[in-house]
Amino acid sequence: MGTTDEVIVPVLAPADVLAGIAWQGLEPVFADLDLETMSLTPRTVEDQVTVHTRGVYVTPLFGVVGNWEALRTVTEPRGIQLQVEGTGGVGRWERIAPGVRGMASSLIEVDPQLIHGFEEALADLGLEAKRIPEWRGRKRDFPGMSRIESQVLLVDGWREMLGEIQCAASMSARQLSFDFGELRRPPARADRARLQTRRAV
């Protein structure tokens, strides 16, 4: 491989993977992740292929590798090397509470209306939630990641804490139960009549 050769990696690839690629004089190129599987797909990889692409490196993210064999439809016809690190499953989001979905062992996706109250509720229950790591590159290049930036949390071992997760969702929903739109609704006819009488006085 020459010094201008590129290796395609997931946009959330760990720093040690990137360091290993750079140490060999190669250029890491980031590919977006599929929203439903949090893994590379043939489309997201093909979007990053150039004449300099020599390899695709698949690394587990949060215990998810995805359907990496499907990537061969992109790599094999072009003579691109495909490497898969370690082991990992194929993941998909599953509903675990109203407005909350989970994947793998640590990913939690929360409805945007619940997310702020949800984080506080988790903390009240003694559960630590972190934001997903910052990805590399320009946000406009990764629409999948940009869409979930403010909605995905890392909660290690959430499957063993389903009761707490569901409780946090209920607490967050209660905080949103007051309808602020009611404050802006036009007054009923009887209310308008009372207002007019008050103004007349």
N, C-alpha and C. Protein backbone atom coordinates (compact mmCIF):
# COMPACT_ATOMS: atom_id res chain seq x y z
N MET A 1 0.83 -1.19 0.00
CA MET A 1 0.00 0.00 0.00
C MET A 1 0.87 1.25 0.00
N GLY A 2 0.47 2.24 -0.79
CA GLY A 2 1.23 3.48 -0.87
C GLY A 2 0.78 4.49 0.18
N THR A 3 1.49 5.63 0.23
CA THR A 3 1.20 6.62 1.26
C THR A 3 -0.11 7.36 1.01
N THR A 4 -0.66 7.29 -0.19
CA THR A 4 -1.93 7.94 -0.47
C THR A 4 -3.10 6.97 -0.33
N ASP A 5 -2.82 5.74 0.08
CA ASP A 5 -3.87 4.74 0.20
C ASP A 5 -4.81 5.06 1.36
N GLU A 6 -6.07 4.70 1.18
CA GLU A 6 -7.10 5.00 2.17
C GLU A 6 -7.73 3.72 2.71
N VAL A 7 -8.15 3.79 3.97
CA VAL A 7 -8.88 2.69 4.61
C VAL A 7 -10.18 3.26 5.16
N ILE A 8 -11.30 2.67 4.77
CA ILE A 8 -12.61 3.14 5.22
C ILE A 8 -12.92 2.51 6.57
N VAL A 9 -13.35 3.35 7.52
CA VAL A 9 -13.68 2.89 8.88
C VAL A 9 -15.01 3.51 9.29
N PRO A 10 -15.68 2.94 10.30
CA PRO A 10 -16.90 3.57 10.82
C PRO A 10 -16.59 4.94 11.41
N VAL A 11 -17.53 5.84 11.34
CA VAL A 11 -17.32 7.21 11.81
C VAL A 11 -17.09 7.27 13.32
N LEU A 12 -17.47 6.24 14.06
CA LEU A 12 -17.21 6.19 15.49
C LEU A 12 -16.08 5.21 15.84
N ALA A 13 -15.20 4.96 14.89
CA ALA A 13 -14.09 4.04 15.14
C ALA A 13 -13.26 4.54 16.32
N PRO A 14 -12.82 3.62 17.21
CA PRO A 14 -12.02 4.04 18.36
C PRO A 14 -10.68 4.65 17.95
N ALA A 15 -10.14 5.48 18.85
CA ALA A 15 -8.89 6.18 18.55
C ALA A 15 -7.73 5.22 18.30
N ASP A 16 -7.72 4.06 19.00
CA ASP A 16 -6.59 3.14 18.81
C ASP A 16 -6.60 2.52 17.42
N VAL A 17 -7.80 2.33 16.85
CA VAL A 17 -7.89 1.82 15.48
C VAL A 17 -7.34 2.86 14.51
N LEU A 18 -7.73 4.11 14.71
CA LEU A 18 -7.26 5.19 13.83
C LEU A 18 -5.74 5.36 13.94
N ALA A 19 -5.22 5.25 15.17
CA ALA A 19 -3.79 5.40 15.37
C ALA A 19 -3.02 4.30 14.63
N GLY A 20 -3.55 3.06 14.68
CA GLY A 20 -2.90 1.96 13.99
C GLY A 20 -2.87 2.16 12.48
N ILE A 21 -3.96 2.70 11.94
CA ILE A 21 -4.01 2.96 10.50
C ILE A 21 -3.02 4.06 10.13
N ALA A 22 -3.03 5.15 10.91
CA ALA A 22 -2.13 6.27 10.62
C ALA A 22 -0.66 5.86 10.77
N TRP A 23 -0.36 5.00 11.74
CA TRP A 23 1.01 4.56 11.99
C TRP A 23 1.57 3.82 10.78
N GLN A 24 0.69 3.19 10.02
CA GLN A 24 1.13 2.47 8.82
C GLN A 24 1.20 3.39 7.60
N GLY A 25 0.99 4.68 7.83
CA GLY A 25 1.07 5.64 6.73
C GLY A 25 -0.16 5.67 5.85
N LEU A 26 -1.28 5.17 6.36
CA LEU A 26 -2.53 5.14 5.60
C LEU A 26 -3.48 6.24 6.08
N GLU A 27 -4.43 6.59 5.25
CA GLU A 27 -5.38 7.64 5.56
C GLU A 27 -6.73 7.03 5.94
N PRO A 28 -7.20 7.23 7.19
CA PRO A 28 -8.54 6.73 7.53
C PRO A 28 -9.62 7.61 6.90
N VAL A 29 -10.61 6.99 6.32
CA VAL A 29 -11.74 7.70 5.72
C VAL A 29 -12.99 7.22 6.43
N PHE A 30 -13.81 8.16 6.90
CA PHE A 30 -14.94 7.80 7.74
C PHE A 30 -16.21 7.59 6.93
N ALA A 31 -16.90 6.49 7.24
CA ALA A 31 -18.18 6.18 6.59
C ALA A 31 -19.30 6.28 7.62
N ASP A 32 -20.44 6.78 7.19
CA ASP A 32 -21.59 6.99 8.06
C ASP A 32 -22.15 5.65 8.53
N LEU A 33 -22.95 5.70 9.58
CA LEU A 33 -23.60 4.51 10.12
C LEU A 33 -25.08 4.51 9.78
N ASP A 34 -25.61 3.32 9.61
CA ASP A 34 -27.06 3.18 9.40
C ASP A 34 -27.78 3.43 10.71
N LEU A 35 -28.86 4.22 10.67
CA LEU A 35 -29.57 4.61 11.88
C LEU A 35 -30.19 3.43 12.62
N GLU A 36 -30.65 2.44 11.89
CA GLU A 36 -31.37 1.34 12.53
C GLU A 36 -30.46 0.24 13.05
N THR A 37 -29.23 0.18 12.54
CA THR A 37 -28.33 -0.90 12.97
C THR A 37 -27.04 -0.39 13.59
N MET A 38 -26.77 0.90 13.53
CA MET A 38 -25.54 1.50 14.04
C MET A 38 -24.31 0.79 13.49
N SER A 39 -24.34 0.45 12.22
CA SER A 39 -23.21 -0.24 11.60
C SER A 39 -23.07 0.21 10.15
N LEU A 40 -21.94 -0.16 9.55
CA LEU A 40 -21.71 0.16 8.15
C LEU A 40 -22.66 -0.62 7.25
N THR A 41 -23.00 -0.03 6.13
CA THR A 41 -23.80 -0.71 5.12
C THR A 41 -23.10 -0.56 3.77
N PRO A 42 -23.45 -1.39 2.79
CA PRO A 42 -22.83 -1.23 1.47
C PRO A 42 -22.97 0.19 0.92
N ARG A 43 -24.11 0.83 1.17
CA ARG A 43 -24.30 2.19 0.64
C ARG A 43 -23.36 3.19 1.30
N THR A 44 -23.27 3.14 2.65
CA THR A 44 -22.43 4.12 3.33
C THR A 44 -20.95 3.91 3.02
N VAL A 45 -20.56 2.65 2.79
CA VAL A 45 -19.17 2.39 2.41
C VAL A 45 -18.91 2.85 0.98
N GLU A 46 -19.82 2.51 0.08
CA GLU A 46 -19.63 2.87 -1.33
C GLU A 46 -19.55 4.38 -1.51
N ASP A 47 -20.25 5.13 -0.67
CA ASP A 47 -20.20 6.60 -0.75
C ASP A 47 -18.80 7.14 -0.53
N GLN A 48 -17.94 6.37 0.16
CA GLN A 48 -16.59 6.85 0.49
C GLN A 48 -15.49 6.22 -0.36
N VAL A 49 -15.85 5.31 -1.25
CA VAL A 49 -14.84 4.64 -2.08
C VAL A 49 -14.27 5.61 -3.11
N THR A 50 -12.95 5.62 -3.22
CA THR A 50 -12.27 6.39 -4.26
C THR A 50 -11.24 5.47 -4.93
N VAL A 51 -10.48 6.02 -5.86
CA VAL A 51 -9.44 5.23 -6.52
C VAL A 51 -8.31 4.90 -5.55
N HIS A 52 -8.26 5.58 -4.41
CA HIS A 52 -7.21 5.35 -3.43
C HIS A 52 -7.61 4.34 -2.35
N THR A 53 -8.86 3.89 -2.38
CA THR A 53 -9.33 2.98 -1.33
C THR A 53 -8.68 1.61 -1.49
N ARG A 54 -8.02 1.18 -0.40
CA ARG A 54 -7.37 -0.13 -0.43
C ARG A 54 -7.98 -1.10 0.58
N GLY A 55 -8.73 -0.59 1.54
CA GLY A 55 -9.28 -1.48 2.54
C GLY A 55 -10.50 -0.91 3.23
N VAL A 56 -11.31 -1.80 3.81
CA VAL A 56 -12.43 -1.44 4.67
C VAL A 56 -12.22 -2.18 5.97
N TYR A 57 -12.20 -1.43 7.09
CA TYR A 57 -11.93 -2.04 8.39
C TYR A 57 -13.18 -1.92 9.25
N VAL A 58 -13.76 -3.04 9.61
CA VAL A 58 -14.98 -3.06 10.42
C VAL A 58 -14.60 -3.37 11.86
N THR A 59 -14.97 -2.46 12.77
CA THR A 59 -14.67 -2.66 14.18
C THR A 59 -15.97 -2.62 14.98
N PRO A 60 -16.10 -3.45 16.01
CA PRO A 60 -17.36 -3.47 16.78
C PRO A 60 -17.60 -2.13 17.46
N LEU A 61 -18.82 -1.64 17.35
CA LEU A 61 -19.23 -0.43 18.04
C LEU A 61 -20.32 -0.79 19.03
N PHE A 62 -20.03 -0.63 20.32
CA PHE A 62 -20.99 -0.95 21.38
C PHE A 62 -21.46 -2.40 21.30
N GLY A 63 -20.59 -3.27 20.81
CA GLY A 63 -20.94 -4.68 20.69
C GLY A 63 -21.66 -5.03 19.41
N VAL A 64 -21.73 -4.09 18.47
CA VAL A 64 -22.44 -4.32 17.20
C VAL A 64 -21.44 -4.26 16.05
N VAL A 65 -21.40 -5.31 15.25
CA VAL A 65 -20.61 -5.32 14.01
C VAL A 65 -21.52 -5.13 12.81
N GLY A 66 -22.71 -5.68 12.89
CA GLY A 66 -23.64 -5.55 11.77
C GLY A 66 -23.43 -6.63 10.73
N ASN A 67 -24.14 -6.52 9.65
CA ASN A 67 -24.07 -7.51 8.59
C ASN A 67 -22.87 -7.21 7.69
N TRP A 68 -21.67 -7.46 8.21
CA TRP A 68 -20.46 -7.08 7.49
C TRP A 68 -20.27 -7.87 6.20
N GLU A 69 -20.85 -9.06 6.11
CA GLU A 69 -20.68 -9.87 4.89
C GLU A 69 -21.30 -9.17 3.68
N ALA A 70 -22.32 -8.34 3.92
CA ALA A 70 -22.94 -7.61 2.81
C ALA A 70 -21.98 -6.60 2.19
N LEU A 71 -20.94 -6.21 2.93
CA LEU A 71 -19.98 -5.24 2.41
C LEU A 71 -19.14 -5.83 1.28
N ARG A 72 -19.14 -7.16 1.18
CA ARG A 72 -18.38 -7.79 0.10
C ARG A 72 -18.90 -7.40 -1.28
N THR A 73 -20.17 -7.01 -1.36
CA THR A 73 -20.71 -6.58 -2.67
C THR A 73 -20.03 -5.31 -3.15
N VAL A 74 -19.42 -4.58 -2.22
CA VAL A 74 -18.68 -3.37 -2.58
C VAL A 74 -17.20 -3.67 -2.74
N THR A 75 -16.65 -4.47 -1.84
CA THR A 75 -15.19 -4.65 -1.82
C THR A 75 -14.68 -5.64 -2.87
N GLU A 76 -15.34 -6.77 -3.03
CA GLU A 76 -14.80 -7.82 -3.90
C GLU A 76 -14.71 -7.40 -5.37
N PRO A 77 -15.76 -6.77 -5.96
CA PRO A 77 -15.63 -6.38 -7.37
C PRO A 77 -14.51 -5.37 -7.62
N ARG A 78 -14.13 -4.62 -6.58
CA ARG A 78 -13.11 -3.57 -6.72
C ARG A 78 -11.74 -4.01 -6.23
N GLY A 79 -11.63 -5.23 -5.72
CA GLY A 79 -10.37 -5.70 -5.21
C GLY A 79 -9.94 -5.01 -3.93
N ILE A 80 -10.89 -4.56 -3.15
CA ILE A 80 -10.62 -3.88 -1.88
C ILE A 80 -10.59 -4.90 -0.76
N GLN A 81 -9.61 -4.80 0.11
CA GLN A 81 -9.48 -5.74 1.22
C GLN A 81 -10.51 -5.41 2.31
N LEU A 82 -11.17 -6.44 2.84
CA LEU A 82 -12.15 -6.27 3.91
C LEU A 82 -11.65 -6.98 5.16
N GLN A 83 -11.52 -6.23 6.27
CA GLN A 83 -11.09 -6.80 7.53
C GLN A 83 -12.14 -6.53 8.60
N VAL A 84 -12.40 -7.55 9.41
CA VAL A 84 -13.39 -7.43 10.49
C VAL A 84 -12.69 -7.75 11.80
N GLU A 85 -12.77 -6.81 12.75
CA GLU A 85 -12.10 -6.98 14.03
C GLU A 85 -12.99 -7.66 15.05
N GLY A 86 -12.48 -8.68 15.71
CA GLY A 86 -13.17 -9.30 16.84
C GLY A 86 -14.54 -9.86 16.46
N THR A 87 -15.41 -9.88 17.45
CA THR A 87 -16.75 -10.43 17.24
C THR A 87 -17.79 -9.41 17.69
N GLY A 88 -18.95 -9.54 17.15
CA GLY A 88 -20.05 -8.65 17.50
C GLY A 88 -21.30 -9.10 16.80
N GLY A 89 -22.42 -8.73 17.33
CA GLY A 89 -23.68 -9.18 16.77
C GLY A 89 -24.28 -8.19 15.79
N VAL A 90 -25.39 -8.60 15.21
CA VAL A 90 -26.18 -7.72 14.36
C VAL A 90 -27.26 -7.10 15.24
N GLY A 91 -27.27 -5.80 15.37
CA GLY A 91 -28.20 -5.15 16.28
C GLY A 91 -29.29 -4.36 15.58
N ARG A 92 -30.43 -4.27 16.28
CA ARG A 92 -31.50 -3.37 15.85
C ARG A 92 -32.15 -2.78 17.09
N TRP A 93 -32.71 -1.60 16.92
CA TRP A 93 -33.38 -0.96 18.05
C TRP A 93 -34.61 -1.76 18.46
N GLU A 94 -34.86 -1.87 19.75
CA GLU A 94 -36.05 -2.52 20.26
C GLU A 94 -36.71 -1.63 21.30
N ARG A 95 -38.02 -1.59 21.30
CA ARG A 95 -38.76 -0.73 22.22
C ARG A 95 -38.66 -1.30 23.63
N ILE A 96 -38.22 -0.45 24.59
CA ILE A 96 -38.09 -0.93 25.96
C ILE A 96 -38.92 -0.11 26.94
N ALA A 97 -39.45 1.02 26.49
CA ALA A 97 -40.33 1.86 27.32
C ALA A 97 -40.98 2.86 26.37
N PRO A 98 -42.07 3.51 26.78
CA PRO A 98 -42.67 4.53 25.92
C PRO A 98 -41.66 5.63 25.58
N GLY A 99 -41.41 5.82 24.29
CA GLY A 99 -40.48 6.85 23.86
C GLY A 99 -39.02 6.48 24.00
N VAL A 100 -38.72 5.23 24.34
CA VAL A 100 -37.33 4.81 24.57
C VAL A 100 -37.06 3.49 23.85
N ARG A 101 -35.92 3.43 23.14
CA ARG A 101 -35.50 2.19 22.49
C ARG A 101 -34.07 1.87 22.91
N GLY A 102 -33.72 0.59 22.85
CA GLY A 102 -32.38 0.16 23.22
C GLY A 102 -31.78 -0.75 22.18
N MET A 103 -30.44 -0.81 22.17
CA MET A 103 -29.74 -1.71 21.26
C MET A 103 -28.45 -2.17 21.93
N ALA A 104 -28.04 -3.38 21.60
CA ALA A 104 -26.80 -3.96 22.14
C ALA A 104 -26.84 -3.90 23.66
N SER A 105 -25.70 -3.63 24.30
CA SER A 105 -25.66 -3.66 25.75
C SER A 105 -25.59 -2.28 26.37
N SER A 106 -25.46 -1.24 25.53
CA SER A 106 -25.25 0.08 26.14
C SER A 106 -25.91 1.25 25.44
N LEU A 107 -26.59 1.02 24.31
CA LEU A 107 -27.17 2.13 23.56
C LEU A 107 -28.63 2.35 23.93
N ILE A 108 -28.97 3.60 24.24
CA ILE A 108 -30.34 3.99 24.53
C ILE A 108 -30.70 5.15 23.62
N GLU A 109 -31.80 5.03 22.87
CA GLU A 109 -32.30 6.14 22.06
C GLU A 109 -33.59 6.65 22.69
N VAL A 110 -33.65 7.96 22.93
CA VAL A 110 -34.78 8.56 23.64
C VAL A 110 -35.47 9.57 22.73
N ASP A 111 -36.80 9.55 22.75
CA ASP A 111 -37.58 10.52 21.99
C ASP A 111 -37.09 11.93 22.32
N PRO A 112 -36.93 12.81 21.30
CA PRO A 112 -36.39 14.15 21.57
C PRO A 112 -37.20 14.95 22.58
N GLN A 113 -38.50 14.67 22.70
CA GLN A 113 -39.30 15.39 23.69
C GLN A 113 -38.98 14.96 25.12
N LEU A 114 -38.47 13.74 25.27
CA LEU A 114 -38.21 13.21 26.62
C LEU A 114 -36.76 13.35 27.06
N ILE A 115 -35.84 13.61 26.12
CA ILE A 115 -34.43 13.39 26.38
C ILE A 115 -33.89 14.16 27.58
N HIS A 116 -34.26 15.42 27.75
CA HIS A 116 -33.66 16.21 28.83
C HIS A 116 -34.15 15.71 30.19
N GLY A 117 -35.44 15.55 30.35
CA GLY A 117 -35.96 15.03 31.61
C GLY A 117 -35.50 13.61 31.87
N PHE A 118 -35.27 12.85 30.81
CA PHE A 118 -34.85 11.46 30.94
C PHE A 118 -33.47 11.36 31.57
N GLU A 119 -32.57 12.22 31.14
CA GLU A 119 -31.21 12.19 31.71
C GLU A 119 -31.23 12.50 33.20
N GLU A 120 -32.02 13.50 33.59
CA GLU A 120 -32.11 13.84 35.01
C GLU A 120 -32.73 12.69 35.81
N ALA A 121 -33.76 12.07 35.21
CA ALA A 121 -34.42 10.97 35.90
C ALA A 121 -33.48 9.79 36.09
N LEU A 122 -32.65 9.49 35.10
CA LEU A 122 -31.66 8.42 35.24
C LEU A 122 -30.69 8.74 36.37
N ALA A 123 -30.24 9.99 36.42
CA ALA A 123 -29.30 10.38 37.49
C ALA A 123 -29.95 10.23 38.86
N ASP A 124 -31.24 10.60 38.96
CA ASP A 124 -31.95 10.47 40.23
C ASP A 124 -32.01 9.01 40.68
N LEU A 125 -32.02 8.09 39.71
CA LEU A 125 -32.09 6.66 40.01
C LEU A 125 -30.70 6.04 40.15
N GLY A 126 -29.67 6.86 40.09
CA GLY A 126 -28.31 6.37 40.27
C GLY A 126 -27.69 5.75 39.04
N LEU A 127 -28.25 6.00 37.86
CA LEU A 127 -27.71 5.44 36.62
C LEU A 127 -26.94 6.52 35.86
N GLU A 128 -25.75 6.16 35.39
CA GLU A 128 -24.93 7.12 34.65
C GLU A 128 -25.20 7.00 33.16
N ALA A 129 -25.48 8.12 32.53
CA ALA A 129 -25.71 8.15 31.08
C ALA A 129 -24.71 9.11 30.46
N LYS A 130 -24.10 8.67 29.35
CA LYS A 130 -23.14 9.51 28.64
C LYS A 130 -23.64 9.72 27.21
N ARG A 131 -23.18 10.78 26.61
CA ARG A 131 -23.44 11.01 25.19
C ARG A 131 -22.52 10.11 24.36
N ILE A 132 -22.94 9.79 23.14
CA ILE A 132 -22.08 9.01 22.27
C ILE A 132 -20.83 9.82 21.96
N PRO A 133 -19.69 9.16 21.73
CA PRO A 133 -18.45 9.91 21.47
C PRO A 133 -18.59 10.83 20.26
N GLU A 134 -17.85 11.91 20.31
CA GLU A 134 -17.86 12.84 19.16
C GLU A 134 -17.28 12.13 17.94
N TRP A 135 -17.93 12.25 16.81
CA TRP A 135 -17.41 11.60 15.62
C TRP A 135 -16.48 12.56 14.88
N ARG A 136 -15.74 11.99 13.95
CA ARG A 136 -14.73 12.77 13.25
C ARG A 136 -15.28 13.25 11.92
N GLY A 137 -14.70 14.33 11.43
CA GLY A 137 -15.11 14.83 10.12
C GLY A 137 -16.18 15.90 10.22
N ARG A 138 -16.77 16.23 9.10
CA ARG A 138 -17.76 17.30 9.03
C ARG A 138 -19.15 16.72 9.17
N LYS A 139 -19.97 17.39 9.97
CA LYS A 139 -21.29 16.83 10.27
C LYS A 139 -22.14 16.63 9.02
N ARG A 140 -21.97 17.53 8.05
CA ARG A 140 -22.82 17.40 6.86
C ARG A 140 -22.54 16.11 6.09
N ASP A 141 -21.37 15.51 6.35
CA ASP A 141 -21.01 14.27 5.66
C ASP A 141 -21.66 13.05 6.31
N PHE A 142 -22.23 13.23 7.49
CA PHE A 142 -22.76 12.09 8.23
C PHE A 142 -24.18 12.37 8.70
N PRO A 143 -25.14 12.39 7.78
CA PRO A 143 -26.53 12.71 8.18
C PRO A 143 -27.10 11.72 9.18
N GLY A 144 -26.68 10.45 9.11
CA GLY A 144 -27.17 9.47 10.07
C GLY A 144 -26.78 9.84 11.48
N MET A 145 -25.50 10.17 11.69
CA MET A 145 -25.03 10.52 13.02
C MET A 145 -25.63 11.84 13.49
N SER A 146 -25.78 12.79 12.56
CA SER A 146 -26.33 14.09 12.95
C SER A 146 -27.76 13.95 13.46
N ARG A 147 -28.51 13.03 12.90
CA ARG A 147 -29.91 12.87 13.30
C ARG A 147 -30.05 12.32 14.72
N ILE A 148 -29.10 11.51 15.14
CA ILE A 148 -29.25 10.90 16.46
C ILE A 148 -28.33 11.53 17.51
N GLU A 149 -27.61 12.60 17.12
CA GLU A 149 -26.62 13.20 18.02
C GLU A 149 -27.20 13.51 19.39
N SER A 150 -28.38 14.10 19.44
CA SER A 150 -28.93 14.55 20.72
C SER A 150 -29.90 13.55 21.33
N GLN A 151 -30.00 12.35 20.75
CA GLN A 151 -31.00 11.40 21.22
C GLN A 151 -30.45 10.08 21.74
N VAL A 152 -29.17 9.81 21.50
CA VAL A 152 -28.60 8.52 21.89
C VAL A 152 -27.68 8.68 23.10
N LEU A 153 -27.89 7.84 24.10
CA LEU A 153 -27.10 7.85 25.32
C LEU A 153 -26.41 6.49 25.49
N LEU A 154 -25.30 6.50 26.22
CA LEU A 154 -24.62 5.26 26.58
C LEU A 154 -24.96 4.94 28.03
N VAL A 155 -25.65 3.84 28.24
CA VAL A 155 -25.99 3.38 29.59
C VAL A 155 -25.54 1.93 29.66
N ASP A 156 -24.40 1.69 30.29
CA ASP A 156 -23.84 0.34 30.33
C ASP A 156 -24.77 -0.62 31.06
N GLY A 157 -25.01 -1.77 30.44
CA GLY A 157 -25.82 -2.81 31.06
C GLY A 157 -27.28 -2.44 31.25
N TRP A 158 -27.83 -1.71 30.29
CA TRP A 158 -29.22 -1.26 30.46
C TRP A 158 -30.21 -2.42 30.52
N ARG A 159 -29.86 -3.55 29.95
CA ARG A 159 -30.79 -4.68 29.96
C ARG A 159 -31.03 -5.20 31.38
N GLU A 160 -30.04 -5.04 32.25
CA GLU A 160 -30.22 -5.45 33.64
C GLU A 160 -30.93 -4.38 34.47
N MET A 161 -31.21 -3.24 33.85
CA MET A 161 -31.80 -2.12 34.58
C MET A 161 -33.10 -1.66 33.93
N LEU A 162 -33.81 -2.60 33.33
CA LEU A 162 -35.02 -2.22 32.60
C LEU A 162 -36.04 -1.52 33.49
N GLY A 163 -36.17 -1.99 34.74
CA GLY A 163 -37.13 -1.35 35.64
C GLY A 163 -36.81 0.11 35.85
N GLU A 164 -35.51 0.43 36.07
CA GLU A 164 -35.10 1.82 36.26
C GLU A 164 -35.30 2.64 34.99
N ILE A 165 -35.01 2.03 33.82
CA ILE A 165 -35.19 2.73 32.54
C ILE A 165 -36.66 3.10 32.35
N GLN A 166 -37.55 2.15 32.61
CA GLN A 166 -38.98 2.41 32.44
C GLN A 166 -39.47 3.45 33.44
N CYS A 167 -38.92 3.43 34.66
CA CYS A 167 -39.28 4.43 35.66
C CYS A 167 -38.82 5.81 35.21
N ALA A 168 -37.61 5.90 34.65
CA ALA A 168 -37.10 7.18 34.17
C ALA A 168 -37.95 7.73 33.04
N ALA A 169 -38.42 6.83 32.15
CA ALA A 169 -39.28 7.27 31.05
C ALA A 169 -40.59 7.83 31.59
N SER A 170 -41.15 7.18 32.61
CA SER A 170 -42.40 7.66 33.21
C SER A 170 -42.19 9.01 33.88
N MET A 171 -41.07 9.18 34.58
CA MET A 171 -40.78 10.45 35.24
C MET A 171 -40.64 11.57 34.21
N SER A 172 -39.96 11.28 33.09
CA SER A 172 -39.77 12.29 32.05
C SER A 172 -41.10 12.65 31.40
N ALA A 173 -41.95 11.64 31.17
CA ALA A 173 -43.25 11.89 30.54
C ALA A 173 -44.13 12.76 31.44
N ARG A 174 -44.06 12.53 32.75
CA ARG A 174 -44.87 13.33 33.67
C ARG A 174 -44.45 14.80 33.63
N GLN A 175 -43.16 15.04 33.44
CA GLN A 175 -42.69 16.42 33.37
C GLN A 175 -43.26 17.13 32.14
N LEU A 176 -43.61 16.35 31.12
CA LEU A 176 -44.14 16.95 29.89
C LEU A 176 -45.67 16.91 29.83
N SER A 177 -46.30 16.41 30.89
CA SER A 177 -47.75 16.19 30.81
C SER A 177 -48.55 17.49 30.81
N PHE A 178 -48.00 18.58 31.35
CA PHE A 178 -48.74 19.84 31.32
C PHE A 178 -48.70 20.41 29.91
N ASP A 179 -49.84 20.72 29.37
CA ASP A 179 -49.95 21.19 27.99
C ASP A 179 -49.80 22.71 27.95
N PHE A 180 -48.61 23.18 27.58
CA PHE A 180 -48.38 24.61 27.53
C PHE A 180 -49.20 25.27 26.43
N GLY A 181 -49.64 24.48 25.47
CA GLY A 181 -50.50 25.04 24.43
C GLY A 181 -51.81 25.57 24.98
N GLU A 182 -52.23 25.03 26.12
CA GLU A 182 -53.47 25.51 26.72
C GLU A 182 -53.38 26.98 27.10
N LEU A 183 -52.19 27.44 27.40
CA LEU A 183 -52.03 28.84 27.80
C LEU A 183 -52.30 29.78 26.63
N ARG A 184 -52.13 29.28 25.42
CA ARG A 184 -52.25 30.14 24.25
C ARG A 184 -53.58 29.97 23.52
N ARG A 185 -54.41 29.08 24.01
CA ARG A 185 -55.66 28.84 23.26
C ARG A 185 -56.59 30.04 23.42
N PRO A 186 -57.39 30.36 22.39
CA PRO A 186 -58.33 31.47 22.49
C PRO A 186 -59.34 31.21 23.61
N PRO A 187 -59.73 32.21 24.39
CA PRO A 187 -60.71 31.99 25.46
C PRO A 187 -62.07 31.59 24.90
N ALA A 188 -62.77 30.76 25.64
CA ALA A 188 -64.12 30.36 25.23
C ALA A 188 -65.04 31.58 25.22
N ARG A 189 -66.25 31.41 24.61
CA ARG A 189 -67.18 32.52 24.47
C ARG A 189 -67.55 33.12 25.82
N ALA A 190 -67.80 32.28 26.81
CA ALA A 190 -68.17 32.77 28.14
C ALA A 190 -67.01 33.54 28.76
N ASP A 191 -65.76 33.03 28.53
CA ASP A 191 -64.60 33.71 29.06
C ASP A 191 -64.43 35.07 28.41
N ARG A 192 -64.70 35.15 27.09
CA ARG A 192 -64.57 36.43 26.39
C ARG A 192 -65.58 37.44 26.93
N ALA A 193 -66.78 36.94 27.22
CA ALA A 193 -67.81 37.84 27.74
C ALA A 193 -67.38 38.41 29.09
N ARG A 194 -66.77 37.57 29.94
CA ARG A 194 -66.32 38.06 31.24
C ARG A 194 -65.19 39.08 31.09
N LEU A 195 -64.28 38.81 30.11
CA LEU A 195 -63.20 39.75 29.88
C LEU A 195 -63.72 41.11 29.42
N GLN A 196 -64.72 41.08 28.50
CA GLN A 196 -65.28 42.33 28.02
C GLN A 196 -65.97 43.10 29.14
N THR A 197 -66.69 42.39 30.03
CA THR A 197 -67.35 43.04 31.16
C THR A 197 -66.31 43.69 32.08
N ARG A 198 -65.20 42.98 32.31
CA ARG A 198 -64.15 43.49 33.18
C ARG A 198 -63.53 44.75 32.58
N ARG A 199 -63.32 44.73 31.23
CA ARG A 199 -62.74 45.90 30.58
C ARG A 199 -63.70 47.10 30.65
N ALA A 200 -64.99 46.81 30.51
CA ALA A 200 -65.98 47.89 30.56
C ALA A 200 -66.00 48.59 31.91
N VAL A 201 -65.78 47.79 32.96
CA VAL A 201 -65.75 48.38 34.32
C VAL A 201 -64.46 49.17 34.47
